[in-house]
Amino acid sequence: ANATLGVSMACAKVSSLALGIPLYRYLGGAH
């Protein structure tokens, strides 16, 4: 799980960075 989780979280982080939106908004949406 320490292998899978690090990659899973990093994918979310890099996506939020690339889109230029905060991580909480990327994960949770506009509300």
mmCIF file of all heavy atoms, coordinates in Angstrom:
data_MODEL
# 
_entry.id   MODEL 
# 
loop_
_atom_site.group_PDB 
_atom_site.id 
_atom_site.type_symbol 
_atom_site.label_atom_id 
_atom_site.label_alt_id 
_atom_site.label_comp_id 
_atom_site.label_asym_id 
_atom_site.label_entity_id 
_atom_site.label_seq_id 
_atom_site.pdbx_PDB_ins_code 
_atom_site.Cartn_x 
_atom_site.Cartn_y 
_atom_site.Cartn_z 
_atom_site.occupancy 
_atom_site.B_iso_or_equiv 
_atom_site.pdbx_formal_charge 
_atom_site.auth_seq_id 
_atom_site.auth_comp_id 
_atom_site.auth_asym_id 
_atom_site.auth_atom_id 
_atom_site.pdbx_PDB_model_num 
ATOM 1   N N   . ALA A 1 1  ? 0.825   -1.206 0.000   1.00 0.00 ? 1  ALA A N   1 
ATOM 2   C CA  . ALA A 1 1  ? 0.000   0.000  0.000   1.00 0.00 ? 1  ALA A CA  1 
ATOM 3   C C   . ALA A 1 1  ? 0.858   1.254  0.000   1.00 0.00 ? 1  ALA A C   1 
ATOM 4   O O   . ALA A 1 1  ? 0.440   2.301  -0.501  1.00 0.00 ? 1  ALA A O   1 
ATOM 5   C CB  . ALA A 1 1  ? -0.927  0.000  1.222   1.00 0.00 ? 1  ALA A CB  1 
ATOM 6   N N   . ASN A 1 2  ? 2.068   1.171  0.566   1.00 0.00 ? 2  ASN A N   1 
ATOM 7   C CA  . ASN A 1 2  ? 2.977   2.322  0.545   1.00 0.00 ? 2  ASN A CA  1 
ATOM 8   C C   . ASN A 1 2  ? 3.497   2.593  -0.864  1.00 0.00 ? 2  ASN A C   1 
ATOM 9   O O   . ASN A 1 2  ? 3.858   3.734  -1.176  1.00 0.00 ? 2  ASN A O   1 
ATOM 10  C CB  . ASN A 1 2  ? 4.136   2.138  1.536   1.00 0.00 ? 2  ASN A CB  1 
ATOM 11  C CG  . ASN A 1 2  ? 4.764   0.753  1.512   1.00 0.00 ? 2  ASN A CG  1 
ATOM 12  O OD1 . ASN A 1 2  ? 4.283   -0.176 0.870   1.00 0.00 ? 2  ASN A OD1 1 
ATOM 13  N ND2 . ASN A 1 2  ? 5.848   0.588  2.266   1.00 0.00 ? 2  ASN A ND2 1 
ATOM 14  N N   . ALA A 1 3  ? 3.502   1.594  -1.722  1.00 0.00 ? 3  ALA A N   1 
ATOM 15  C CA  . ALA A 1 3  ? 3.881   1.792  -3.126  1.00 0.00 ? 3  ALA A CA  1 
ATOM 16  C C   . ALA A 1 3  ? 2.724   2.381  -3.926  1.00 0.00 ? 3  ALA A C   1 
ATOM 17  O O   . ALA A 1 3  ? 2.883   3.370  -4.644  1.00 0.00 ? 3  ALA A O   1 
ATOM 18  C CB  . ALA A 1 3  ? 4.323   0.466  -3.742  1.00 0.00 ? 3  ALA A CB  1 
ATOM 19  N N   . THR A 1 4  ? 1.543   1.795  -3.777  1.00 0.00 ? 4  THR A N   1 
ATOM 20  C CA  . THR A 1 4  ? 0.393   2.250  -4.571  1.00 0.00 ? 4  THR A CA  1 
ATOM 21  C C   . THR A 1 4  ? -0.071  3.641  -4.157  1.00 0.00 ? 4  THR A C   1 
ATOM 22  O O   . THR A 1 4  ? -0.401  4.471  -4.999  1.00 0.00 ? 4  THR A O   1 
ATOM 23  C CB  . THR A 1 4  ? -0.784  1.262  -4.446  1.00 0.00 ? 4  THR A CB  1 
ATOM 24  O OG1 . THR A 1 4  ? -1.193  1.143  -3.075  1.00 0.00 ? 4  THR A OG1 1 
ATOM 25  C CG2 . THR A 1 4  ? -0.399  -0.107 -4.998  1.00 0.00 ? 4  THR A CG2 1 
ATOM 26  N N   . LEU A 1 5  ? -0.090  3.916  -2.848  1.00 0.00 ? 5  LEU A N   1 
ATOM 27  C CA  . LEU A 1 5  ? -0.645  5.186  -2.379  1.00 0.00 ? 5  LEU A CA  1 
ATOM 28  C C   . LEU A 1 5  ? 0.191   6.377  -2.810  1.00 0.00 ? 5  LEU A C   1 
ATOM 29  O O   . LEU A 1 5  ? -0.348  7.405  -3.234  1.00 0.00 ? 5  LEU A O   1 
ATOM 30  C CB  . LEU A 1 5  ? -0.787  5.189  -0.859  1.00 0.00 ? 5  LEU A CB  1 
ATOM 31  C CG  . LEU A 1 5  ? -1.342  6.495  -0.290  1.00 0.00 ? 5  LEU A CG  1 
ATOM 32  C CD1 . LEU A 1 5  ? -2.753  6.764  -0.788  1.00 0.00 ? 5  LEU A CD1 1 
ATOM 33  C CD2 . LEU A 1 5  ? -1.307  6.505  1.226   1.00 0.00 ? 5  LEU A CD2 1 
ATOM 34  N N   . GLY A 1 6  ? 1.518   6.252  -2.707  1.00 0.00 ? 6  GLY A N   1 
ATOM 35  C CA  . GLY A 1 6  ? 2.383   7.369  -3.097  1.00 0.00 ? 6  GLY A CA  1 
ATOM 36  C C   . GLY A 1 6  ? 2.139   7.786  -4.531  1.00 0.00 ? 6  GLY A C   1 
ATOM 37  O O   . GLY A 1 6  ? 2.067   8.978  -4.855  1.00 0.00 ? 6  GLY A O   1 
ATOM 38  N N   . VAL A 1 7  ? 1.990   6.808  -5.404  1.00 0.00 ? 7  VAL A N   1 
ATOM 39  C CA  . VAL A 1 7  ? 1.748   7.090  -6.815  1.00 0.00 ? 7  VAL A CA  1 
ATOM 40  C C   . VAL A 1 7  ? 0.354   7.672  -7.010  1.00 0.00 ? 7  VAL A C   1 
ATOM 41  O O   . VAL A 1 7  ? 0.154   8.626  -7.765  1.00 0.00 ? 7  VAL A O   1 
ATOM 42  C CB  . VAL A 1 7  ? 1.939   5.815  -7.658  1.00 0.00 ? 7  VAL A CB  1 
ATOM 43  C CG1 . VAL A 1 7  ? 1.537   6.069  -9.114  1.00 0.00 ? 7  VAL A CG1 1 
ATOM 44  C CG2 . VAL A 1 7  ? 3.386   5.341  -7.576  1.00 0.00 ? 7  VAL A CG2 1 
ATOM 45  N N   . SER A 1 8  ? -0.624  7.114  -6.329  1.00 0.00 ? 8  SER A N   1 
ATOM 46  C CA  . SER A 1 8  ? -2.004  7.602  -6.431  1.00 0.00 ? 8  SER A CA  1 
ATOM 47  C C   . SER A 1 8  ? -2.097  9.067  -6.030  1.00 0.00 ? 8  SER A C   1 
ATOM 48  O O   . SER A 1 8  ? -2.696  9.891  -6.730  1.00 0.00 ? 8  SER A O   1 
ATOM 49  C CB  . SER A 1 8  ? -2.924  6.744  -5.557  1.00 0.00 ? 8  SER A CB  1 
ATOM 50  O OG  . SER A 1 8  ? -4.260  7.185  -5.627  1.00 0.00 ? 8  SER A OG  1 
ATOM 51  N N   . MET A 1 9  ? -1.496  9.425  -4.898  1.00 0.00 ? 9  MET A N   1 
ATOM 52  C CA  . MET A 1 9  ? -1.519  10.814 -4.435  1.00 0.00 ? 9  MET A CA  1 
ATOM 53  C C   . MET A 1 9  ? -0.731  11.722 -5.368  1.00 0.00 ? 9  MET A C   1 
ATOM 54  O O   . MET A 1 9  ? -1.152  12.852 -5.650  1.00 0.00 ? 9  MET A O   1 
ATOM 55  C CB  . MET A 1 9  ? -0.957  10.902 -3.007  1.00 0.00 ? 9  MET A CB  1 
ATOM 56  C CG  . MET A 1 9  ? -1.814  10.263 -1.943  1.00 0.00 ? 9  MET A CG  1 
ATOM 57  S SD  . MET A 1 9  ? -1.353  10.767 -0.247  1.00 0.00 ? 9  MET A SD  1 
ATOM 58  C CE  . MET A 1 9  ? 0.361   10.282 -0.158  1.00 0.00 ? 9  MET A CE  1 
ATOM 59  N N   . ALA A 1 10 ? 0.402   11.247 -5.857  1.00 0.00 ? 10 ALA A N   1 
ATOM 60  C CA  . ALA A 1 10 ? 1.228   12.063 -6.757  1.00 0.00 ? 10 ALA A CA  1 
ATOM 61  C C   . ALA A 1 10 ? 0.493   12.374 -8.058  1.00 0.00 ? 10 ALA A C   1 
ATOM 62  O O   . ALA A 1 10 ? 0.642   13.463 -8.619  1.00 0.00 ? 10 ALA A O   1 
ATOM 63  C CB  . ALA A 1 10 ? 2.552   11.361 -7.036  1.00 0.00 ? 10 ALA A CB  1 
ATOM 64  N N   . CYS A 1 11 ? -0.310  11.417 -8.545  1.00 0.00 ? 11 CYS A N   1 
ATOM 65  C CA  . CYS A 1 11 ? -1.101  11.661 -9.762  1.00 0.00 ? 11 CYS A CA  1 
ATOM 66  C C   . CYS A 1 11 ? -2.122  12.780 -9.533  1.00 0.00 ? 11 CYS A C   1 
ATOM 67  O O   . CYS A 1 11 ? -2.313  13.646 -10.394 1.00 0.00 ? 11 CYS A O   1 
ATOM 68  C CB  . CYS A 1 11 ? -1.813  10.381 -10.193 1.00 0.00 ? 11 CYS A CB  1 
ATOM 69  S SG  . CYS A 1 11 ? -0.732  9.169  -11.001 1.00 0.00 ? 11 CYS A SG  1 
ATOM 70  N N   . ALA A 1 12 ? -2.778  12.756 -8.388  1.00 0.00 ? 12 ALA A N   1 
ATOM 71  C CA  . ALA A 1 12 ? -3.735  13.818 -8.059  1.00 0.00 ? 12 ALA A CA  1 
ATOM 72  C C   . ALA A 1 12 ? -3.034  15.164 -7.943  1.00 0.00 ? 12 ALA A C   1 
ATOM 73  O O   . ALA A 1 12 ? -3.518  16.191 -8.428  1.00 0.00 ? 12 ALA A O   1 
ATOM 74  C CB  . ALA A 1 12 ? -4.468  13.481 -6.759  1.00 0.00 ? 12 ALA A CB  1 
ATOM 75  N N   . LYS A 1 13 ? -1.878  15.156 -7.305  1.00 0.00 ? 13 LYS A N   1 
ATOM 76  C CA  . LYS A 1 13 ? -1.129  16.404 -7.111  1.00 0.00 ? 13 LYS A CA  1 
ATOM 77  C C   . LYS A 1 13 ? -0.655  16.996 -8.439  1.00 0.00 ? 13 LYS A C   1 
ATOM 78  O O   . LYS A 1 13 ? -0.778  18.205 -8.680  1.00 0.00 ? 13 LYS A O   1 
ATOM 79  C CB  . LYS A 1 13 ? 0.073   16.152 -6.193  1.00 0.00 ? 13 LYS A CB  1 
ATOM 80  C CG  . LYS A 1 13 ? -0.284  16.056 -4.723  1.00 0.00 ? 13 LYS A CG  1 
ATOM 81  C CD  . LYS A 1 13 ? 0.992   16.049 -3.889  1.00 0.00 ? 13 LYS A CD  1 
ATOM 82  C CE  . LYS A 1 13 ? 0.709   16.183 -2.416  1.00 0.00 ? 13 LYS A CE  1 
ATOM 83  N NZ  . LYS A 1 13 ? 1.971   16.308 -1.628  1.00 0.00 ? 13 LYS A NZ  1 
ATOM 84  N N   . VAL A 1 14 ? -0.096  16.150 -9.291  1.00 0.00 ? 14 VAL A N   1 
ATOM 85  C CA  . VAL A 1 14 ? 0.437   16.672 -10.548 1.00 0.00 ? 14 VAL A CA  1 
ATOM 86  C C   . VAL A 1 14 ? -0.698  17.172 -11.447 1.00 0.00 ? 14 VAL A C   1 
ATOM 87  O O   . VAL A 1 14 ? -0.534  18.149 -12.185 1.00 0.00 ? 14 VAL A O   1 
ATOM 88  C CB  . VAL A 1 14 ? 1.310   15.619 -11.273 1.00 0.00 ? 14 VAL A CB  1 
ATOM 89  C CG1 . VAL A 1 14 ? 0.465   14.526 -11.937 1.00 0.00 ? 14 VAL A CG1 1 
ATOM 90  C CG2 . VAL A 1 14 ? 2.203   16.290 -12.305 1.00 0.00 ? 14 VAL A CG2 1 
ATOM 91  N N   . SER A 1 15 ? -1.850  16.540 -11.361 1.00 0.00 ? 15 SER A N   1 
ATOM 92  C CA  . SER A 1 15 ? -2.996  16.988 -12.157 1.00 0.00 ? 15 SER A CA  1 
ATOM 93  C C   . SER A 1 15 ? -3.479  18.362 -11.705 1.00 0.00 ? 15 SER A C   1 
ATOM 94  O O   . SER A 1 15 ? -3.774  19.236 -12.533 1.00 0.00 ? 15 SER A O   1 
ATOM 95  C CB  . SER A 1 15 ? -4.133  15.972 -12.050 1.00 0.00 ? 15 SER A CB  1 
ATOM 96  O OG  . SER A 1 15 ? -3.759  14.727 -12.615 1.00 0.00 ? 15 SER A OG  1 
ATOM 97  N N   . SER A 1 16 ? -3.546  18.566 -10.405 1.00 0.00 ? 16 SER A N   1 
ATOM 98  C CA  . SER A 1 16 ? -3.972  19.875 -9.903  1.00 0.00 ? 16 SER A CA  1 
ATOM 99  C C   . SER A 1 16 ? -2.966  20.955 -10.280 1.00 0.00 ? 16 SER A C   1 
ATOM 100 O O   . SER A 1 16 ? -3.346  22.077 -10.625 1.00 0.00 ? 16 SER A O   1 
ATOM 101 C CB  . SER A 1 16 ? -4.180  19.827 -8.384  1.00 0.00 ? 16 SER A CB  1 
ATOM 102 O OG  . SER A 1 16 ? -2.959  19.779 -7.681  1.00 0.00 ? 16 SER A OG  1 
ATOM 103 N N   . LEU A 1 17 ? -1.680  20.615 -10.236 1.00 0.00 ? 17 LEU A N   1 
ATOM 104 C CA  . LEU A 1 17 ? -0.639  21.571 -10.637 1.00 0.00 ? 17 LEU A CA  1 
ATOM 105 C C   . LEU A 1 17 ? -0.767  21.927 -12.107 1.00 0.00 ? 17 LEU A C   1 
ATOM 106 O O   . LEU A 1 17 ? -0.685  23.099 -12.494 1.00 0.00 ? 17 LEU A O   1 
ATOM 107 C CB  . LEU A 1 17 ? 0.748   20.969 -10.363 1.00 0.00 ? 17 LEU A CB  1 
ATOM 108 C CG  . LEU A 1 17 ? 1.227   20.912 -8.910  1.00 0.00 ? 17 LEU A CG  1 
ATOM 109 C CD1 . LEU A 1 17 ? 2.505   20.076 -8.809  1.00 0.00 ? 17 LEU A CD1 1 
ATOM 110 C CD2 . LEU A 1 17 ? 1.478   22.319 -8.379  1.00 0.00 ? 17 LEU A CD2 1 
ATOM 111 N N   . ALA A 1 18 ? -0.964  20.915 -12.937 1.00 0.00 ? 18 ALA A N   1 
ATOM 112 C CA  . ALA A 1 18 ? -1.037  21.135 -14.378 1.00 0.00 ? 18 ALA A CA  1 
ATOM 113 C C   . ALA A 1 18 ? -2.258  21.963 -14.766 1.00 0.00 ? 18 ALA A C   1 
ATOM 114 O O   . ALA A 1 18 ? -2.212  22.770 -15.702 1.00 0.00 ? 18 ALA A O   1 
ATOM 115 C CB  . ALA A 1 18 ? -1.050  19.797 -15.110 1.00 0.00 ? 18 ALA A CB  1 
ATOM 116 N N   . LEU A 1 19 ? -3.362  21.751 -14.052 1.00 0.00 ? 19 LEU A N   1 
ATOM 117 C CA  . LEU A 1 19 ? -4.586  22.500 -14.330 1.00 0.00 ? 19 LEU A CA  1 
ATOM 118 C C   . LEU A 1 19 ? -4.593  23.879 -13.682 1.00 0.00 ? 19 LEU A C   1 
ATOM 119 O O   . LEU A 1 19 ? -5.458  24.711 -13.980 1.00 0.00 ? 19 LEU A O   1 
ATOM 120 C CB  . LEU A 1 19 ? -5.807  21.712 -13.872 1.00 0.00 ? 19 LEU A CB  1 
ATOM 121 C CG  . LEU A 1 19 ? -6.068  20.377 -14.574 1.00 0.00 ? 19 LEU A CG  1 
ATOM 122 C CD1 . LEU A 1 19 ? -7.276  19.684 -13.969 1.00 0.00 ? 19 LEU A CD1 1 
ATOM 123 C CD2 . LEU A 1 19 ? -6.250  20.553 -16.076 1.00 0.00 ? 19 LEU A CD2 1 
ATOM 124 N N   . GLY A 1 20 ? -3.657  24.097 -12.753 1.00 0.00 ? 20 GLY A N   1 
ATOM 125 C CA  . GLY A 1 20 ? -3.576  25.398 -12.087 1.00 0.00 ? 20 GLY A CA  1 
ATOM 126 C C   . GLY A 1 20 ? -4.688  25.650 -11.102 1.00 0.00 ? 20 GLY A C   1 
ATOM 127 O O   . GLY A 1 20 ? -5.099  26.786 -10.876 1.00 0.00 ? 20 GLY A O   1 
ATOM 128 N N   . ILE A 1 21 ? -5.195  24.566 -10.471 1.00 0.00 ? 21 ILE A N   1 
ATOM 129 C CA  . ILE A 1 21 ? -6.242  24.715 -9.460  1.00 0.00 ? 21 ILE A CA  1 
ATOM 130 C C   . ILE A 1 21 ? -5.776  24.059 -8.165  1.00 0.00 ? 21 ILE A C   1 
ATOM 131 O O   . ILE A 1 21 ? -4.968  23.122 -8.189  1.00 0.00 ? 21 ILE A O   1 
ATOM 132 C CB  . ILE A 1 21 ? -7.595  24.115 -9.908  1.00 0.00 ? 21 ILE A CB  1 
ATOM 133 C CG1 . ILE A 1 21 ? -7.454  22.611 -10.213 1.00 0.00 ? 21 ILE A CG1 1 
ATOM 134 C CG2 . ILE A 1 21 ? -8.139  24.859 -11.106 1.00 0.00 ? 21 ILE A CG2 1 
ATOM 135 C CD1 . ILE A 1 21 ? -8.787  21.948 -10.556 1.00 0.00 ? 21 ILE A CD1 1 
ATOM 136 N N   . PRO A 1 22 ? -6.253  24.532 -7.018  1.00 0.00 ? 22 PRO A N   1 
ATOM 137 C CA  . PRO A 1 22 ? -5.837  23.945 -5.744  1.00 0.00 ? 22 PRO A CA  1 
ATOM 138 C C   . PRO A 1 22 ? -6.209  22.467 -5.668  1.00 0.00 ? 22 PRO A C   1 
ATOM 139 O O   . PRO A 1 22 ? -7.210  22.035 -6.249  1.00 0.00 ? 22 PRO A O   1 
ATOM 140 C CB  . PRO A 1 22 ? -6.603  24.754 -4.702  1.00 0.00 ? 22 PRO A CB  1 
ATOM 141 C CG  . PRO A 1 22 ? -7.041  25.997 -5.400  1.00 0.00 ? 22 PRO A CG  1 
ATOM 142 C CD  . PRO A 1 22 ? -7.217  25.645 -6.829  1.00 0.00 ? 22 PRO A CD  1 
ATOM 143 N N   . LEU A 1 23 ? -5.423  21.708 -4.926  1.00 0.00 ? 23 LEU A N   1 
ATOM 144 C CA  . LEU A 1 23 ? -5.658  20.273 -4.808  1.00 0.00 ? 23 LEU A CA  1 
ATOM 145 C C   . LEU A 1 23 ? -7.035  19.970 -4.228  1.00 0.00 ? 23 LEU A C   1 
ATOM 146 O O   . LEU A 1 23 ? -7.727  19.058 -4.694  1.00 0.00 ? 23 LEU A O   1 
ATOM 147 C CB  . LEU A 1 23 ? -4.565  19.632 -3.949  1.00 0.00 ? 23 LEU A CB  1 
ATOM 148 C CG  . LEU A 1 23 ? -4.652  18.121 -3.716  1.00 0.00 ? 23 LEU A CG  1 
ATOM 149 C CD1 . LEU A 1 23 ? -4.627  17.355 -5.027  1.00 0.00 ? 23 LEU A CD1 1 
ATOM 150 C CD2 . LEU A 1 23 ? -3.513  17.656 -2.800  1.00 0.00 ? 23 LEU A CD2 1 
ATOM 151 N N   . TYR A 1 24 ? -7.462  20.737 -3.212  1.00 0.00 ? 24 TYR A N   1 
ATOM 152 C CA  . TYR A 1 24 ? -8.764  20.469 -2.606  1.00 0.00 ? 24 TYR A CA  1 
ATOM 153 C C   . TYR A 1 24 ? -9.893  20.649 -3.618  1.00 0.00 ? 24 TYR A C   1 
ATOM 154 O O   . TYR A 1 24 ? -10.884 19.911 -3.590  1.00 0.00 ? 24 TYR A O   1 
ATOM 155 C CB  . TYR A 1 24 ? -8.987  21.349 -1.364  1.00 0.00 ? 24 TYR A CB  1 
ATOM 156 C CG  . TYR A 1 24 ? -9.072  22.843 -1.621  1.00 0.00 ? 24 TYR A CG  1 
ATOM 157 C CD1 . TYR A 1 24 ? -10.278 23.453 -1.937  1.00 0.00 ? 24 TYR A CD1 1 
ATOM 158 C CD2 . TYR A 1 24 ? -7.934  23.631 -1.540  1.00 0.00 ? 24 TYR A CD2 1 
ATOM 159 C CE1 . TYR A 1 24 ? -10.339 24.824 -2.178  1.00 0.00 ? 24 TYR A CE1 1 
ATOM 160 C CE2 . TYR A 1 24 ? -7.992  25.000 -1.771  1.00 0.00 ? 24 TYR A CE2 1 
ATOM 161 C CZ  . TYR A 1 24 ? -9.192  25.587 -2.090  1.00 0.00 ? 24 TYR A CZ  1 
ATOM 162 O OH  . TYR A 1 24 ? -9.256  26.944 -2.330  1.00 0.00 ? 24 TYR A OH  1 
ATOM 163 N N   . ARG A 1 25 ? -9.744  21.610 -4.523  1.00 0.00 ? 25 ARG A N   1 
ATOM 164 C CA  . ARG A 1 25 ? -10.777 21.835 -5.537  1.00 0.00 ? 25 ARG A CA  1 
ATOM 165 C C   . ARG A 1 25 ? -10.713 20.777 -6.632  1.00 0.00 ? 25 ARG A C   1 
ATOM 166 O O   . ARG A 1 25 ? -11.746 20.341 -7.148  1.00 0.00 ? 25 ARG A O   1 
ATOM 167 C CB  . ARG A 1 25 ? -10.620 23.235 -6.130  1.00 0.00 ? 25 ARG A CB  1 
ATOM 168 C CG  . ARG A 1 25 ? -11.786 23.658 -7.017  1.00 0.00 ? 25 ARG A CG  1 
ATOM 169 C CD  . ARG A 1 25 ? -11.846 25.159 -7.185  1.00 0.00 ? 25 ARG A CD  1 
ATOM 170 N NE  . ARG A 1 25 ? -12.256 25.820 -5.950  1.00 0.00 ? 25 ARG A NE  1 
ATOM 171 C CZ  . ARG A 1 25 ? -11.817 26.990 -5.545  1.00 0.00 ? 25 ARG A CZ  1 
ATOM 172 N NH1 . ARG A 1 25 ? -10.920 27.632 -6.250  1.00 0.00 ? 25 ARG A NH1 1 
ATOM 173 N NH2 . ARG A 1 25 ? -12.252 27.509 -4.415  1.00 0.00 ? 25 ARG A NH2 1 
ATOM 174 N N   . TYR A 1 26 ? -9.503  20.347 -6.967  1.00 0.00 ? 26 TYR A N   1 
ATOM 175 C CA  . TYR A 1 26 ? -9.359  19.280 -7.949  1.00 0.00 ? 26 TYR A CA  1 
ATOM 176 C C   . TYR A 1 26 ? -10.027 18.002 -7.451  1.00 0.00 ? 26 TYR A C   1 
ATOM 177 O O   . TYR A 1 26 ? -10.720 17.317 -8.196  1.00 0.00 ? 26 TYR A O   1 
ATOM 178 C CB  . TYR A 1 26 ? -7.879  19.023 -8.256  1.00 0.00 ? 26 TYR A CB  1 
ATOM 179 C CG  . TYR A 1 26 ? -7.669  17.842 -9.182  1.00 0.00 ? 26 TYR A CG  1 
ATOM 180 C CD1 . TYR A 1 26 ? -7.955  17.945 -10.535 1.00 0.00 ? 26 TYR A CD1 1 
ATOM 181 C CD2 . TYR A 1 26 ? -7.219  16.621 -8.692  1.00 0.00 ? 26 TYR A CD2 1 
ATOM 182 C CE1 . TYR A 1 26 ? -7.793  16.852 -11.384 1.00 0.00 ? 26 TYR A CE1 1 
ATOM 183 C CE2 . TYR A 1 26 ? -7.052  15.528 -9.526  1.00 0.00 ? 26 TYR A CE2 1 
ATOM 184 C CZ  . TYR A 1 26 ? -7.339  15.652 -10.873 1.00 0.00 ? 26 TYR A CZ  1 
ATOM 185 O OH  . TYR A 1 26 ? -7.190  14.566 -11.711 1.00 0.00 ? 26 TYR A OH  1 
ATOM 186 N N   . LEU A 1 27 ? -9.824  17.688 -6.183  1.00 0.00 ? 27 LEU A N   1 
ATOM 187 C CA  . LEU A 1 27 ? -10.389 16.465 -5.617  1.00 0.00 ? 27 LEU A CA  1 
ATOM 188 C C   . LEU A 1 27 ? -11.890 16.573 -5.339  1.00 0.00 ? 27 LEU A C   1 
ATOM 189 O O   . LEU A 1 27 ? -12.626 15.604 -5.486  1.00 0.00 ? 27 LEU A O   1 
ATOM 190 C CB  . LEU A 1 27 ? -9.673  16.115 -4.306  1.00 0.00 ? 27 LEU A CB  1 
ATOM 191 C CG  . LEU A 1 27 ? -8.215  15.671 -4.397  1.00 0.00 ? 27 LEU A CG  1 
ATOM 192 C CD1 . LEU A 1 27 ? -7.608  15.575 -2.994  1.00 0.00 ? 27 LEU A CD1 1 
ATOM 193 C CD2 . LEU A 1 27 ? -8.085  14.330 -5.109  1.00 0.00 ? 27 LEU A CD2 1 
ATOM 194 N N   . GLY A 1 28 ? -12.333 17.765 -4.937  1.00 0.00 ? 28 GLY A N   1 
ATOM 195 C CA  . GLY A 1 28 ? -13.696 17.895 -4.439  1.00 0.00 ? 28 GLY A CA  1 
ATOM 196 C C   . GLY A 1 28 ? -14.664 18.684 -5.289  1.00 0.00 ? 28 GLY A C   1 
ATOM 197 O O   . GLY A 1 28 ? -15.877 18.647 -5.054  1.00 0.00 ? 28 GLY A O   1 
ATOM 198 N N   . GLY A 1 29 ? -14.177 19.444 -6.257  1.00 0.00 ? 29 GLY A N   1 
ATOM 199 C CA  . GLY A 1 29 ? -15.065 20.216 -7.103  1.00 0.00 ? 29 GLY A CA  1 
ATOM 200 C C   . GLY A 1 29 ? -15.281 21.644 -6.617  1.00 0.00 ? 29 GLY A C   1 
ATOM 201 O O   . GLY A 1 29 ? -14.600 22.127 -5.698  1.00 0.00 ? 29 GLY A O   1 
ATOM 202 N N   . ALA A 1 30 ? -16.264 22.294 -7.210  1.00 0.00 ? 30 ALA A N   1 
ATOM 203 C CA  . ALA A 1 30 ? -16.449 23.732 -7.016  1.00 0.00 ? 30 ALA A CA  1 
ATOM 204 C C   . ALA A 1 30 ? -17.088 24.105 -5.677  1.00 0.00 ? 30 ALA A C   1 
ATOM 205 O O   . ALA A 1 30 ? -17.017 25.250 -5.254  1.00 0.00 ? 30 ALA A O   1 
ATOM 206 C CB  . ALA A 1 30 ? -17.306 24.291 -8.154  1.00 0.00 ? 30 ALA A CB  1 
ATOM 207 N N   . HIS A 1 31 ? -17.725 23.142 -5.018  1.00 0.00 ? 31 HIS A N   1 
ATOM 208 C CA  . HIS A 1 31 ? -18.493 23.474 -3.821  1.00 0.00 ? 31 HIS A CA  1 
ATOM 209 C C   . HIS A 1 31 ? -17.765 23.127 -2.522  1.00 0.00 ? 31 HIS A C   1 
ATOM 210 O O   . HIS A 1 31 ? -18.387 22.991 -1.475  1.00 0.00 ? 31 HIS A O   1 
ATOM 211 C CB  . HIS A 1 31 ? -19.856 22.785 -3.860  1.00 0.00 ? 31 HIS A CB  1 
ATOM 212 C CG  . HIS A 1 31 ? -20.679 23.190 -5.039  1.00 0.00 ? 31 HIS A CG  1 
ATOM 213 N ND1 . HIS A 1 31 ? -21.224 24.448 -5.171  1.00 0.00 ? 31 HIS A ND1 1 
ATOM 214 C CD2 . HIS A 1 31 ? -21.014 22.508 -6.169  1.00 0.00 ? 31 HIS A CD2 1 
ATOM 215 C CE1 . HIS A 1 31 ? -21.878 24.523 -6.320  1.00 0.00 ? 31 HIS A CE1 1 
ATOM 216 N NE2 . HIS A 1 31 ? -21.765 23.365 -6.947  1.00 0.00 ? 31 HIS A NE2 1 
# 
